[in-house]
Amino acid sequence: HPDWAIAIPGREPSLFRSQLVLDISRKEVRDEIMDRILKVLHEVEADYVKWDMNRYLSDLGSFALTQERQGELSHRYVLGVYEMQERLVKELPNLLFENCSSGGARFDPGMLYYSPQIWTSDDTDAIERLKIQEGTALVYPLSTMGAHVSKVPNEQVGRICPIATRANVALAGSFGYELDITKMTVEEKEEIPKQIRMYHRFRKLTMEGDYYRIASWSAERPFDVWMIVSKDRKEALVTYVQVLGRPQTGAERIRLRGLDPDTGYHMETVSGKMLPSTSSLRYGDDLMNDGMLFPALGDFESLVLYLRAERADV
């Protein structure tokens, strides 16, 4: 069926990644694809599917449309995507379904109608992800953002980040692992169960809490800080990432946000260096106005601080 590919009638279509794109504006094409996909998913009893789109649309033309209606193709194509995904989630209601943004450039409410999460970017380097996830979080909840611990050296930029930082950054998303564990060091393998326990411990907070940007890294300020605060303001996570270390630098004063000014908070370092100031009870008003000191860290190092509301007389 060469006419099932998107192509300009009468012209040789361009190959990209050795691929053409199927014209899913056509019902017969959608039905054929979904019949095959659903058959496989039922046979293997799949419980997770990632729908990737890594081939850009080109040669926009359809053999099913007249010359006067060729301009309808892009819109009809998206409607076809929606129909296919509707069929998928209705037929497999217990399937964890994840869309993908990088190839299709489709991280938007239309796709989130069908999938609870979307792969935020194929760029999985922890430092690169700071800006990527910050920008995405301007519009979308952290629970929708696919974020994984990936291998080092990173495939995209070749950077080697500690596994703790990779996990701490992924914690501000759906969290997962995307690497070959047989190639990890013994020390890294020992960290994975601890990180998974940390994720489960704080999953409700990270998925349902309010997200606050505290500091965005730049050449003048080479560190990144964000907070997640529970709706009742009784819990919070503070993540501090040192993008680049600086010589002869003292501690950074960070003023927190979103806390209850009249509540005392017990602080616990759950990842990274223990902060000396976490042993005492401090009020939200103090933490948001006077702030707290975070130590200067080395390149790509990070820490996560947990705040829990306590009575002042504890």
C-alpha atoms as a PDB file:
ATOM      1  CA  HIS A   1       0.000   0.000   0.000  1.00  0.00           C
ATOM      2  CA  PRO A   2       2.368   2.789  -1.094  1.00  0.00           C
ATOM      3  CA  ASP A   3      -0.660   5.093  -1.081  1.00  0.00           C
ATOM      4  CA  TRP A   4      -0.920   4.623   2.709  1.00  0.00           C
ATOM      5  CA  ALA A   5       2.178   6.754   3.254  1.00  0.00           C
ATOM      6  CA  ILE A   6       2.066  10.510   3.593  1.00  0.00           C
ATOM      7  CA  ALA A   7       3.429  11.773   0.287  1.00  0.00           C
ATOM      8  CA  ILE A   8       2.713  14.382  -2.340  1.00  0.00           C
ATOM      9  CA  PRO A   9       0.950  12.574  -5.188  1.00  0.00           C
ATOM     10  CA  GLY A  10       3.202  12.350  -8.224  1.00  0.00           C
ATOM     11  CA  ARG A  11       6.440  12.941  -6.283  1.00  0.00           C
ATOM     12  CA  GLU A  12       8.952  10.583  -4.711  1.00  0.00           C
ATOM     13  CA  PRO A  13       8.603  10.925  -0.900  1.00  0.00           C
ATOM     14  CA  SER A  14      11.627  11.739   1.252  1.00  0.00           C
ATOM     15  CA  LEU A  15      13.023   9.142   3.608  1.00  0.00           C
ATOM     16  CA  PHE A  16      14.021  10.198   7.113  1.00  0.00           C
ATOM     17  CA  ARG A  17      15.483   7.604   9.521  1.00  0.00           C
ATOM     18  CA  SER A  18      14.827   5.238   6.568  1.00  0.00           C
ATOM     19  CA  GLN A  19      11.133   5.779   7.258  1.00  0.00           C
ATOM     20  CA  LEU A  20       7.950   7.151   5.787  1.00  0.00           C
ATOM     21  CA  VAL A  21       4.937   8.202   7.878  1.00  0.00           C
ATOM     22  CA  LEU A  22       1.656   6.342   7.575  1.00  0.00           C
ATOM     23  CA  ASP A  23      -1.324   8.474   6.648  1.00  0.00           C
ATOM     24  CA  ILE A  24      -3.461   7.963   9.733  1.00  0.00           C
ATOM     25  CA  SER A  25      -5.915  10.578   8.551  1.00  0.00           C
ATOM     26  CA  ARG A  26      -7.361   7.553   6.701  1.00  0.00           C
ATOM     27  CA  LYS A  27      -9.650   5.224   8.650  1.00  0.00           C
ATOM     28  CA  GLU A  28      -8.487   2.061   6.884  1.00  0.00           C
ATOM     29  CA  VAL A  29      -4.889   2.850   7.872  1.00  0.00           C
ATOM     30  CA  ARG A  30      -5.831   3.532  11.508  1.00  0.00           C
ATOM     31  CA  ASP A  31      -7.858   0.337  11.740  1.00  0.00           C
ATOM     32  CA  GLU A  32      -5.064  -1.802  10.298  1.00  0.00           C
ATOM     33  CA  ILE A  33      -2.464  -0.353  12.675  1.00  0.00           C
ATOM     34  CA  MET A  34      -4.616  -0.623  15.792  1.00  0.00           C
ATOM     35  CA  ASP A  35      -5.807  -4.149  14.998  1.00  0.00           C
ATOM     36  CA  ARG A  36      -2.181  -5.278  14.878  1.00  0.00           C
ATOM     37  CA  ILE A  37      -1.049  -3.311  17.935  1.00  0.00           C
ATOM     38  CA  LEU A  38      -3.938  -4.453  20.121  1.00  0.00           C
ATOM     39  CA  LYS A  39      -3.479  -8.070  19.061  1.00  0.00           C
ATOM     40  CA  VAL A  40       0.123  -7.994  20.287  1.00  0.00           C
ATOM     41  CA  LEU A  41      -0.702  -6.144  23.510  1.00  0.00           C
ATOM     42  CA  HIS A  42      -3.422  -8.645  24.391  1.00  0.00           C
ATOM     43  CA  GLU A  43      -1.158 -11.611  23.599  1.00  0.00           C
ATOM     44  CA  VAL A  44       1.722 -10.439  25.790  1.00  0.00           C
ATOM     45  CA  GLU A  45      -0.574  -8.967  28.479  1.00  0.00           C
ATOM     46  CA  ALA A  46       1.329  -5.680  28.384  1.00  0.00           C
ATOM     47  CA  ASP A  47       0.845  -3.349  31.331  1.00  0.00           C
ATOM     48  CA  TYR A  48       2.906  -0.409  30.004  1.00  0.00           C
ATOM     49  CA  VAL A  49       3.166   1.182  26.572  1.00  0.00           C
ATOM     50  CA  LYS A  50       5.139   4.211  25.409  1.00  0.00           C
ATOM     51  CA  TRP A  51       3.840   5.742  22.199  1.00  0.00           C
ATOM     52  CA  ASP A  52       6.828   7.293  20.449  1.00  0.00           C
ATOM     53  CA  MET A  53       6.881   9.628  17.456  1.00  0.00           C
ATOM     54  CA  ASN A  54      10.430  10.083  16.226  1.00  0.00           C
ATOM     55  CA  ARG A  55       9.827  10.906  12.569  1.00  0.00           C
ATOM     56  CA  TYR A  56       8.917  14.452  11.597  1.00  0.00           C
ATOM     57  CA  LEU A  57       6.128  14.917   9.065  1.00  0.00           C
ATOM     58  CA  SER A  58       7.334  15.884   5.606  1.00  0.00           C
ATOM     59  CA  ASP A  59       5.990  15.756   2.048  1.00  0.00           C
ATOM     60  CA  LEU A  60       2.565  16.652   3.383  1.00  0.00           C
ATOM     61  CA  GLY A  61       0.124  15.073   0.993  1.00  0.00           C
ATOM     62  CA  SER A  62      -2.575  12.399   1.055  1.00  0.00           C
ATOM     63  CA  PHE A  63      -3.752  10.092  -1.714  1.00  0.00           C
ATOM     64  CA  ALA A  64      -7.189  10.120  -0.055  1.00  0.00           C
ATOM     65  CA  LEU A  65      -7.742  13.860  -0.432  1.00  0.00           C
ATOM     66  CA  THR A  66      -8.448  15.909  -3.521  1.00  0.00           C
ATOM     67  CA  GLN A  67      -6.037  18.650  -4.499  1.00  0.00           C
ATOM     68  CA  GLU A  68      -8.363  21.274  -3.046  1.00  0.00           C
ATOM     69  CA  ARG A  69      -8.414  19.512   0.359  1.00  0.00           C
ATOM     70  CA  GLN A  70      -4.708  18.692   0.783  1.00  0.00           C
ATOM     71  CA  GLY A  71      -4.430  21.485   3.351  1.00  0.00           C
ATOM     72  CA  GLU A  72      -6.652  19.465   5.698  1.00  0.00           C
ATOM     73  CA  LEU A  73      -4.083  16.694   6.151  1.00  0.00           C
ATOM     74  CA  SER A  74      -2.253  17.972   9.252  1.00  0.00           C
ATOM     75  CA  HIS A  75      -5.498  18.515  11.154  1.00  0.00           C
ATOM     76  CA  ARG A  76      -6.966  15.198  10.051  1.00  0.00           C
ATOM     77  CA  TYR A  77      -3.721  13.452  11.014  1.00  0.00           C
ATOM     78  CA  VAL A  78      -3.971  14.703  14.613  1.00  0.00           C
ATOM     79  CA  LEU A  79      -7.632  13.690  14.799  1.00  0.00           C
ATOM     80  CA  GLY A  80      -6.493  10.247  13.666  1.00  0.00           C
ATOM     81  CA  VAL A  81      -3.919  10.096  16.467  1.00  0.00           C
ATOM     82  CA  TYR A  82      -6.620  10.966  18.983  1.00  0.00           C
ATOM     83  CA  GLU A  83      -8.976   8.285  17.644  1.00  0.00           C
ATOM     84  CA  MET A  84      -6.266   5.601  17.837  1.00  0.00           C
ATOM     85  CA  GLN A  85      -5.304   6.520  21.377  1.00  0.00           C
ATOM     86  CA  GLU A  86      -8.963   6.632  22.409  1.00  0.00           C
ATOM     87  CA  ARG A  87      -9.378   3.080  21.156  1.00  0.00           C
ATOM     88  CA  LEU A  88      -6.213   1.972  22.955  1.00  0.00           C
ATOM     89  CA  VAL A  89      -7.166   3.294  26.390  1.00  0.00           C
ATOM     90  CA  LYS A  90     -10.777   2.118  26.119  1.00  0.00           C
ATOM     91  CA  GLU A  91      -9.818  -1.408  25.136  1.00  0.00           C
ATOM     92  CA  LEU A  92      -6.999  -1.628  27.717  1.00  0.00           C
ATOM     93  CA  PRO A  93      -8.205   0.513  30.647  1.00  0.00           C
ATOM     94  CA  ASN A  94      -5.591  -0.861  33.071  1.00  0.00           C
ATOM     95  CA  LEU A  95      -2.662  -0.114  30.767  1.00  0.00           C
ATOM     96  CA  LEU A  96      -0.129   2.509  31.892  1.00  0.00           C
ATOM     97  CA  PHE A  97       0.077   4.571  28.735  1.00  0.00           C
ATOM     98  CA  GLU A  98       2.813   7.155  28.184  1.00  0.00           C
ATOM     99  CA  ASN A  99       3.043   9.527  25.258  1.00  0.00           C
ATOM    100  CA  CYS A 100       6.331  10.973  24.009  1.00  0.00           C
ATOM    101  CA  SER A 101       7.194  14.578  23.242  1.00  0.00           C
ATOM    102  CA  SER A 102      10.609  14.496  21.656  1.00  0.00           C
ATOM    103  CA  GLY A 103       9.821  13.150  18.216  1.00  0.00           C
ATOM    104  CA  GLY A 104       6.279  14.368  17.865  1.00  0.00           C
ATOM    105  CA  ALA A 105       6.804  17.596  19.801  1.00  0.00           C
ATOM    106  CA  ARG A 106       3.469  16.872  21.438  1.00  0.00           C
ATOM    107  CA  PHE A 107       3.592  17.647  25.151  1.00  0.00           C
ATOM    108  CA  ASP A 108       0.173  19.266  25.338  1.00  0.00           C
ATOM    109  CA  PRO A 109      -3.277  18.883  26.926  1.00  0.00           C
ATOM    110  CA  GLY A 110      -4.572  17.047  23.860  1.00  0.00           C
ATOM    111  CA  MET A 111      -2.171  14.157  24.420  1.00  0.00           C
ATOM    112  CA  LEU A 112      -2.574  14.246  28.206  1.00  0.00           C
ATOM    113  CA  TYR A 113      -6.285  13.579  27.701  1.00  0.00           C
ATOM    114  CA  TYR A 114      -5.301  10.030  26.722  1.00  0.00           C
ATOM    115  CA  SER A 115      -2.143   9.416  28.756  1.00  0.00           C
ATOM    116  CA  PRO A 116      -1.381  10.430  32.362  1.00  0.00           C
ATOM    117  CA  GLN A 117       2.259  11.136  31.559  1.00  0.00           C
ATOM    118  CA  ILE A 118       4.459  12.154  28.642  1.00  0.00           C
ATOM    119  CA  TRP A 119       8.167  11.529  28.119  1.00  0.00           C
ATOM    120  CA  THR A 120       9.550  15.022  28.633  1.00  0.00           C
ATOM    121  CA  SER A 121      12.650  14.748  26.445  1.00  0.00           C
ATOM    122  CA  ASP A 122      15.073  12.184  25.039  1.00  0.00           C
ATOM    123  CA  ASP A 123      17.779  14.369  26.579  1.00  0.00           C
ATOM    124  CA  THR A 124      18.143  12.549  29.910  1.00  0.00           C
ATOM    125  CA  ASP A 125      21.289  14.198  31.256  1.00  0.00           C
ATOM    126  CA  ALA A 126      20.485  15.388  34.775  1.00  0.00           C
ATOM    127  CA  ILE A 127      21.960  18.869  34.267  1.00  0.00           C
ATOM    128  CA  GLU A 128      20.246  19.324  30.912  1.00  0.00           C
ATOM    129  CA  ARG A 129      16.999  18.185  32.502  1.00  0.00           C
ATOM    130  CA  LEU A 130      17.086  21.061  35.009  1.00  0.00           C
ATOM    131  CA  LYS A 131      16.059  23.598  32.359  1.00  0.00           C
ATOM    132  CA  ILE A 132      13.869  21.128  30.462  1.00  0.00           C
ATOM    133  CA  GLN A 133      11.830  20.192  33.508  1.00  0.00           C
ATOM    134  CA  GLU A 134      11.726  23.762  34.801  1.00  0.00           C
ATOM    135  CA  GLY A 135      10.223  24.962  31.541  1.00  0.00           C
ATOM    136  CA  THR A 136       7.734  22.113  31.343  1.00  0.00           C
ATOM    137  CA  ALA A 137       6.644  22.688  34.945  1.00  0.00           C
ATOM    138  CA  LEU A 138       5.609  26.240  34.076  1.00  0.00           C
ATOM    139  CA  VAL A 139       2.496  24.702  32.517  1.00  0.00           C
ATOM    140  CA  TYR A 140       2.205  21.039  33.491  1.00  0.00           C
ATOM    141  CA  PRO A 141       2.129  19.124  36.813  1.00  0.00           C
ATOM    142  CA  LEU A 142       5.242  17.183  37.820  1.00  0.00           C
ATOM    143  CA  SER A 143       3.168  13.988  37.750  1.00  0.00           C
ATOM    144  CA  THR A 144       2.864  14.266  33.957  1.00  0.00           C
ATOM    145  CA  MET A 145       6.613  14.553  33.295  1.00  0.00           C
ATOM    146  CA  GLY A 146       8.479  11.374  32.381  1.00  0.00           C
ATOM    147  CA  ALA A 147      11.843  11.560  34.185  1.00  0.00           C
ATOM    148  CA  HIS A 148      14.320   8.694  34.481  1.00  0.00           C
ATOM    149  CA  VAL A 149      17.755   7.908  35.861  1.00  0.00           C
ATOM    150  CA  SER A 150      19.838   7.162  32.763  1.00  0.00           C
ATOM    151  CA  LYS A 151      23.309   5.802  32.153  1.00  0.00           C
ATOM    152  CA  VAL A 152      26.605   7.662  32.267  1.00  0.00           C
ATOM    153  CA  PRO A 153      28.441   8.898  30.304  1.00  0.00           C
ATOM    154  CA  ASN A 154      25.176  10.380  29.072  1.00  0.00           C
ATOM    155  CA  GLU A 155      24.365   9.502  25.456  1.00  0.00           C
ATOM    156  CA  GLN A 156      23.433  13.053  24.481  1.00  0.00           C
ATOM    157  CA  VAL A 157      26.171  15.159  26.075  1.00  0.00           C
ATOM    158  CA  GLY A 158      28.710  12.669  27.457  1.00  0.00           C
ATOM    159  CA  ARG A 159      28.436  14.087  30.972  1.00  0.00           C
ATOM    160  CA  ILE A 160      29.068  11.921  34.041  1.00  0.00           C
ATOM    161  CA  CYS A 161      26.727  12.884  36.879  1.00  0.00           C
ATOM    162  CA  PRO A 162      26.583  11.038  40.210  1.00  0.00           C
ATOM    163  CA  ILE A 163      23.712   8.581  40.438  1.00  0.00           C
ATOM    164  CA  ALA A 164      22.388  10.514  43.449  1.00  0.00           C
ATOM    165  CA  THR A 165      21.950  13.668  41.375  1.00  0.00           C
ATOM    166  CA  ARG A 166      20.397  11.752  38.506  1.00  0.00           C
ATOM    167  CA  ALA A 167      17.837  10.340  40.938  1.00  0.00           C
ATOM    168  CA  ASN A 168      17.236  13.641  42.729  1.00  0.00           C
ATOM    169  CA  VAL A 169      16.400  15.353  39.436  1.00  0.00           C
ATOM    170  CA  ALA A 170      14.185  12.466  38.285  1.00  0.00           C
ATOM    171  CA  LEU A 171      12.332  12.644  41.607  1.00  0.00           C
ATOM    172  CA  ALA A 172      10.657  15.813  40.275  1.00  0.00           C
ATOM    173  CA  GLY A 173       8.751  13.703  37.752  1.00  0.00           C
ATOM    174  CA  SER A 174       7.260  10.249  37.248  1.00  0.00           C
ATOM    175  CA  PHE A 175      10.643   8.651  38.211  1.00  0.00           C
ATOM    176  CA  GLY A 176      12.151   5.516  36.750  1.00  0.00           C
ATOM    177  CA  TYR A 177      15.343   3.910  35.488  1.00  0.00           C
ATOM    178  CA  GLU A 178      16.473   3.640  31.880  1.00  0.00           C
ATOM    179  CA  LEU A 179      19.870   1.944  31.793  1.00  0.00           C
ATOM    180  CA  ASP A 180      21.662  -1.412  31.759  1.00  0.00           C
ATOM    181  CA  ILE A 181      22.095  -2.381  35.415  1.00  0.00           C
ATOM    182  CA  THR A 182      24.657  -5.046  34.478  1.00  0.00           C
ATOM    183  CA  LYS A 183      27.054  -2.225  33.558  1.00  0.00           C
ATOM    184  CA  MET A 184      26.668  -0.315  36.821  1.00  0.00           C
ATOM    185  CA  THR A 185      29.223  -0.322  39.615  1.00  0.00           C
ATOM    186  CA  VAL A 186      28.539  -2.157  42.860  1.00  0.00           C
ATOM    187  CA  GLU A 187      28.201   1.177  44.642  1.00  0.00           C
ATOM    188  CA  GLU A 188      25.620   2.406  42.121  1.00  0.00           C
ATOM    189  CA  LYS A 189      23.594  -0.797  42.401  1.00  0.00           C
ATOM    190  CA  GLU A 190      23.495  -0.386  46.164  1.00  0.00           C
ATOM    191  CA  GLU A 191      22.006   3.084  45.731  1.00  0.00           C
ATOM    192  CA  ILE A 192      19.049   1.966  43.616  1.00  0.00           C
ATOM    193  CA  PRO A 193      16.985   0.317  46.412  1.00  0.00           C
ATOM    194  CA  LYS A 194      17.553   3.383  48.595  1.00  0.00           C
ATOM    195  CA  GLN A 195      16.411   5.694  45.817  1.00  0.00           C
ATOM    196  CA  ILE A 196      13.309   3.622  45.119  1.00  0.00           C
ATOM    197  CA  ARG A 197      12.415   3.708  48.815  1.00  0.00           C
ATOM    198  CA  MET A 198      12.887   7.488  48.771  1.00  0.00           C
ATOM    199  CA  TYR A 199      10.592   7.768  45.771  1.00  0.00           C
ATOM    200  CA  HIS A 200       7.869   5.666  47.402  1.00  0.00           C
ATOM    201  CA  ARG A 201       8.212   7.603  50.636  1.00  0.00           C
ATOM    202  CA  PHE A 202       7.663  10.950  48.920  1.00  0.00           C
ATOM    203  CA  ARG A 203       5.567   9.921  45.917  1.00  0.00           C
ATOM    204  CA  LYS A 204       2.314  11.438  47.181  1.00  0.00           C
ATOM    205  CA  LEU A 205       4.129  14.688  48.007  1.00  0.00           C
ATOM    206  CA  THR A 206       5.916  14.958  44.645  1.00  0.00           C
ATOM    207  CA  MET A 207       2.862  13.972  42.606  1.00  0.00           C
ATOM    208  CA  GLU A 208       0.268  16.102  44.430  1.00  0.00           C
ATOM    209  CA  GLY A 209       2.220  18.929  46.080  1.00  0.00           C
ATOM    210  CA  ASP A 210       2.691  22.520  44.950  1.00  0.00           C
ATOM    211  CA  TYR A 211       5.870  23.236  42.986  1.00  0.00           C
ATOM    212  CA  TYR A 212       7.977  26.331  43.738  1.00  0.00           C
ATOM    213  CA  ARG A 213      10.968  27.593  41.772  1.00  0.00           C
ATOM    214  CA  ILE A 214      13.545  29.013  44.191  1.00  0.00           C
ATOM    215  CA  ALA A 215      16.616  29.532  41.984  1.00  0.00           C
ATOM    216  CA  SER A 216      17.314  28.843  38.311  1.00  0.00           C
ATOM    217  CA  TRP A 217      20.937  28.196  37.478  1.00  0.00           C
ATOM    218  CA  SER A 218      22.921  30.548  35.269  1.00  0.00           C
ATOM    219  CA  ALA A 219      26.538  31.568  34.686  1.00  0.00           C
ATOM    220  CA  GLU A 220      26.280  33.989  37.614  1.00  0.00           C
ATOM    221  CA  ARG A 221      24.404  31.545  39.857  1.00  0.00           C
ATOM    222  CA  PRO A 222      25.581  27.997  39.126  1.00  0.00           C
ATOM    223  CA  PHE A 223      23.024  26.178  41.256  1.00  0.00           C
ATOM    224  CA  ASP A 224      19.387  25.166  40.888  1.00  0.00           C
ATOM    225  CA  VAL A 225      16.809  24.966  43.686  1.00  0.00           C
ATOM    226  CA  TRP A 226      13.154  23.988  43.781  1.00  0.00           C
ATOM    227  CA  MET A 227      10.595  22.996  46.390  1.00  0.00           C
ATOM    228  CA  ILE A 228       7.513  20.792  46.516  1.00  0.00           C
ATOM    229  CA  VAL A 229       5.091  21.626  49.340  1.00  0.00           C
ATOM    230  CA  SER A 230       2.061  19.579  50.392  1.00  0.00           C
ATOM    231  CA  LYS A 231      -1.354  21.212  50.085  1.00  0.00           C
ATOM    232  CA  ASP A 232      -1.704  21.412  53.880  1.00  0.00           C
ATOM    233  CA  ARG A 233       1.859  22.849  54.153  1.00  0.00           C
ATOM    234  CA  LYS A 234       2.866  20.160  56.653  1.00  0.00           C
ATOM    235  CA  GLU A 235       5.523  18.602  54.400  1.00  0.00           C
ATOM    236  CA  ALA A 236       8.028  19.866  51.867  1.00  0.00           C
ATOM    237  CA  LEU A 237      10.984  18.693  49.805  1.00  0.00           C
ATOM    238  CA  VAL A 238      13.813  21.055  48.893  1.00  0.00           C
ATOM    239  CA  THR A 239      16.192  19.990  46.104  1.00  0.00           C
ATOM    240  CA  TYR A 240      19.508  21.798  45.623  1.00  0.00           C
ATOM    241  CA  VAL A 241      21.710  20.983  42.602  1.00  0.00           C
ATOM    242  CA  GLN A 242      25.196  22.445  42.192  1.00  0.00           C
ATOM    243  CA  VAL A 243      25.682  22.715  38.427  1.00  0.00           C
ATOM    244  CA  LEU A 244      29.307  23.847  38.729  1.00  0.00           C
ATOM    245  CA  GLY A 245      31.484  24.208  41.779  1.00  0.00           C
ATOM    246  CA  ARG A 246      33.265  27.496  42.438  1.00  0.00           C
ATOM    247  CA  PRO A 247      36.538  28.062  44.322  1.00  0.00           C
ATOM    248  CA  GLN A 248      36.593  30.007  47.579  1.00  0.00           C
ATOM    249  CA  THR A 249      32.815  30.093  47.786  1.00  0.00           C
ATOM    250  CA  GLY A 250      30.922  30.086  51.039  1.00  0.00           C
ATOM    251  CA  ALA A 251      27.502  28.696  51.769  1.00  0.00           C
ATOM    252  CA  GLU A 252      24.525  29.914  49.749  1.00  0.00           C
ATOM    253  CA  ARG A 253      21.621  31.492  51.618  1.00  0.00           C
ATOM    254  CA  ILE A 254      18.378  30.099  50.226  1.00  0.00           C
ATOM    255  CA  ARG A 255      15.010  31.530  51.230  1.00  0.00           C
ATOM    256  CA  LEU A 256      12.272  28.919  51.070  1.00  0.00           C
ATOM    257  CA  ARG A 257       8.685  29.451  49.911  1.00  0.00           C
ATOM    258  CA  GLY A 258       5.212  28.056  50.401  1.00  0.00           C
ATOM    259  CA  LEU A 259       5.545  27.141  54.088  1.00  0.00           C
ATOM    260  CA  ASP A 260       3.187  28.031  56.929  1.00  0.00           C
ATOM    261  CA  PRO A 261       4.884  30.977  58.686  1.00  0.00           C
ATOM    262  CA  ASP A 262       3.493  29.948  62.089  1.00  0.00           C
ATOM    263  CA  THR A 263       4.503  26.280  61.884  1.00  0.00           C
ATOM    264  CA  GLY A 264       7.731  24.802  63.181  1.00  0.00           C
ATOM    265  CA  TYR A 265       9.482  22.372  60.837  1.00  0.00           C
ATOM    266  CA  HIS A 266      11.812  19.483  61.596  1.00  0.00           C
ATOM    267  CA  MET A 267      14.392  19.070  58.813  1.00  0.00           C
ATOM    268  CA  GLU A 268      15.986  15.871  57.525  1.00  0.00           C
ATOM    269  CA  THR A 269      18.611  15.469  54.802  1.00  0.00           C
ATOM    270  CA  VAL A 270      17.380  12.505  52.750  1.00  0.00           C
ATOM    271  CA  SER A 271      19.976  12.659  49.960  1.00  0.00           C
ATOM    272  CA  GLY A 272      23.433  14.217  49.901  1.00  0.00           C
ATOM    273  CA  LYS A 273      25.516  15.962  52.542  1.00  0.00           C
ATOM    274  CA  MET A 274      23.925  16.432  55.948  1.00  0.00           C
ATOM    275  CA  LEU A 275      23.217  20.089  56.626  1.00  0.00           C
ATOM    276  CA  PRO A 276      24.400  21.225  60.066  1.00  0.00           C
ATOM    277  CA  SER A 277      21.317  23.428  60.459  1.00  0.00           C
ATOM    278  CA  THR A 278      18.845  20.544  60.216  1.00  0.00           C
ATOM    279  CA  SER A 279      19.123  19.449  63.833  1.00  0.00           C
ATOM    280  CA  SER A 280      16.909  22.205  65.244  1.00  0.00           C
ATOM    281  CA  LEU A 281      13.261  23.152  64.806  1.00  0.00           C
ATOM    282  CA  ARG A 282      12.721  26.231  62.650  1.00  0.00           C
ATOM    283  CA  TYR A 283       9.577  28.163  61.839  1.00  0.00           C
ATOM    284  CA  GLY A 284       8.264  28.704  58.337  1.00  0.00           C
ATOM    285  CA  ASP A 285       8.474  32.468  58.809  1.00  0.00           C
ATOM    286  CA  ASP A 286      12.182  32.155  59.621  1.00  0.00           C
ATOM    287  CA  LEU A 287      12.906  29.789  56.724  1.00  0.00           C
ATOM    288  CA  MET A 288      11.132  32.005  54.202  1.00  0.00           C
ATOM    289  CA  ASN A 289      12.634  35.317  55.352  1.00  0.00           C
ATOM    290  CA  ASP A 290      16.027  34.606  56.901  1.00  0.00           C
ATOM    291  CA  GLY A 291      16.460  31.445  54.863  1.00  0.00           C
ATOM    292  CA  MET A 292      18.971  28.674  55.435  1.00  0.00           C
ATOM    293  CA  LEU A 293      22.555  28.059  54.399  1.00  0.00           C
ATOM    294  CA  PHE A 294      23.359  25.395  51.837  1.00  0.00           C
ATOM    295  CA  PRO A 295      27.007  24.299  51.603  1.00  0.00           C
ATOM    296  CA  ALA A 296      29.051  24.783  48.454  1.00  0.00           C
ATOM    297  CA  LEU A 297      29.089  21.469  46.594  1.00  0.00           C
ATOM    298  CA  GLY A 298      31.222  20.068  43.800  1.00  0.00           C
ATOM    299  CA  ASP A 299      30.286  19.823  40.133  1.00  0.00           C
ATOM    300  CA  PHE A 300      26.927  18.074  39.589  1.00  0.00           C
ATOM    301  CA  GLU A 301      26.447  17.267  43.280  1.00  0.00           C
ATOM    302  CA  SER A 302      23.069  17.696  44.961  1.00  0.00           C
ATOM    303  CA  LEU A 303      21.052  17.219  48.114  1.00  0.00           C
ATOM    304  CA  VAL A 304      17.404  16.788  49.050  1.00  0.00           C
ATOM    305  CA  LEU A 305      15.990  18.151  52.296  1.00  0.00           C
ATOM    306  CA  TYR A 306      12.702  16.982  53.844  1.00  0.00           C
ATOM    307  CA  LEU A 307      10.687  19.317  56.062  1.00  0.00           C
ATOM    308  CA  ARG A 308       7.957  18.006  58.344  1.00  0.00           C
ATOM    309  CA  ALA A 309       5.675  20.132  60.518  1.00  0.00           C
ATOM    310  CA  GLU A 310       6.147  19.727  64.283  1.00  0.00           C
ATOM    311  CA  ARG A 311       4.808  21.393  67.388  1.00  0.00           C
ATOM    312  CA  ALA A 312       6.997  24.160  68.749  1.00  0.00           C
ATOM    313  CA  ASP A 313       7.369  22.385  72.087  1.00  0.00           C
ATOM    314  CA  VAL A 314       8.658  19.104  70.642  1.00  0.00           C
END
